[in-house]
Amino acid sequence: MAKKSWIERNKKKQATVARYAELRAKLKAEGDYVGLTMLPRNASPTRVVNRCGLTGRRRGYLRRFNLSRIAFRELANQGMIPGVTKSSW
């Protein structure tokens, strides 16, 4: 499990990106790059990290399920994810 501080920091970044999204789009359309540099650093969407919804792990993240590979495997083996079955051939 990731530290709670990392998870909360990422949530704060997501909120900042959402707050400045409209202004960023407007400044980009105008080509005002000086204005873009005046915005907070965390207003950039590239600063947000994809994290697992259960554990907060950032590596091995599966976008389709919003889970890390480890959490996905545990839930899939328990049959908790609909439509996912263990493969065999």
Protein backbone atom coordinates (compact mmCIF):
# COMPACT_ATOMS: atom_id res chain seq x y z
CA MET A 1 0.00 0.00 0.00
CA ALA A 2 1.31 3.43 -0.93
CA LYS A 3 1.70 6.06 1.77
CA LYS A 4 -1.45 8.05 2.40
CA SER A 5 0.49 11.27 1.84
CA TRP A 6 1.37 10.26 -1.74
CA ILE A 7 -2.25 9.37 -2.50
CA GLU A 8 -3.53 12.64 -1.03
CA ARG A 9 -0.87 14.64 -2.87
CA ASN A 10 -2.01 13.10 -6.15
CA LYS A 11 -5.65 13.94 -5.36
CA LYS A 12 -4.62 17.53 -4.70
CA LYS A 13 -2.84 17.64 -8.07
CA GLN A 14 -5.97 16.30 -9.80
CA ALA A 15 -8.05 19.04 -8.20
CA THR A 16 -5.56 21.71 -9.31
CA VAL A 17 -5.55 20.38 -12.88
CA ALA A 18 -9.35 20.46 -12.95
CA ARG A 19 -9.42 24.00 -11.56
CA TYR A 20 -7.03 25.40 -14.18
CA ALA A 21 -8.08 23.24 -17.18
CA GLU A 22 -10.24 25.89 -18.83
CA LEU A 23 -7.68 28.66 -18.33
CA ARG A 24 -4.85 26.46 -19.64
CA ALA A 25 -6.86 25.61 -22.77
CA LYS A 26 -7.57 29.31 -23.38
CA LEU A 27 -3.92 30.32 -22.94
CA LYS A 28 -2.75 27.52 -25.21
CA ALA A 29 -5.22 28.51 -27.91
CA GLU A 30 -3.95 32.10 -27.77
CA GLY A 31 -0.34 30.95 -27.80
CA ASP A 32 0.37 32.83 -24.56
CA TYR A 33 3.22 30.69 -23.24
CA VAL A 34 4.33 33.34 -20.77
CA GLY A 35 0.88 33.17 -19.21
CA LEU A 36 1.15 29.39 -19.04
CA THR A 37 4.41 29.65 -17.11
CA MET A 38 2.68 31.88 -14.57
CA LEU A 39 0.25 29.10 -13.65
CA PRO A 40 1.07 26.77 -10.76
CA ARG A 41 3.29 23.84 -11.62
CA ASN A 42 0.69 21.32 -10.51
CA ALA A 43 -1.83 22.77 -12.97
CA SER A 44 -0.18 20.73 -15.71
CA PRO A 45 -1.94 17.40 -16.39
CA THR A 46 1.39 15.62 -16.84
CA ARG A 47 2.07 16.03 -13.11
CA VAL A 48 -0.82 13.69 -12.22
CA VAL A 49 0.18 10.06 -11.75
CA ASN A 50 -2.05 7.07 -12.49
CA ARG A 51 -2.52 5.20 -9.22
CA CYS A 52 -4.33 2.01 -8.24
CA GLY A 53 -7.78 2.65 -6.83
CA LEU A 54 -7.27 0.15 -4.00
CA THR A 55 -3.63 0.30 -3.01
CA GLY A 56 -2.34 3.56 -4.48
CA ARG A 57 0.46 1.75 -6.31
CA ARG A 58 1.71 3.67 -9.35
CA ARG A 59 3.65 0.97 -11.16
CA GLY A 60 1.93 -1.78 -13.12
CA TYR A 61 -1.25 0.28 -13.49
CA LEU A 62 -4.04 -1.04 -15.75
CA ARG A 63 -6.13 1.88 -17.05
CA ARG A 64 -9.10 -0.21 -18.07
CA PHE A 65 -9.67 -1.39 -14.51
CA ASN A 66 -8.10 1.48 -12.50
CA LEU A 67 -6.07 -1.13 -10.61
CA SER A 68 -2.47 -2.23 -10.30
CA ARG A 69 -1.51 -5.60 -11.73
CA ILE A 70 -1.32 -7.14 -8.27
CA ALA A 71 -4.73 -5.93 -7.09
CA PHE A 72 -6.21 -6.90 -10.47
CA ARG A 73 -4.88 -10.45 -10.18
CA GLU A 74 -6.18 -10.89 -6.64
CA LEU A 75 -9.66 -9.63 -7.53
CA ALA A 76 -9.77 -11.62 -10.78
CA ASN A 77 -8.84 -14.85 -8.99
CA GLN A 78 -11.62 -14.22 -6.47
CA GLY A 79 -14.07 -13.64 -9.34
CA MET A 80 -14.78 -10.06 -8.25
CA ILE A 81 -14.21 -8.50 -11.70
CA PRO A 82 -17.06 -9.28 -14.12
CA GLY A 83 -16.05 -10.67 -17.50
CA VAL A 84 -12.53 -11.63 -16.44
CA THR A 85 -11.67 -15.31 -16.24
CA LYS A 86 -8.42 -17.13 -15.70
CA SER A 87 -6.99 -18.22 -19.02
CA SER A 88 -6.06 -21.81 -19.74
CA TRP A 89 -4.93 -23.51 -22.93
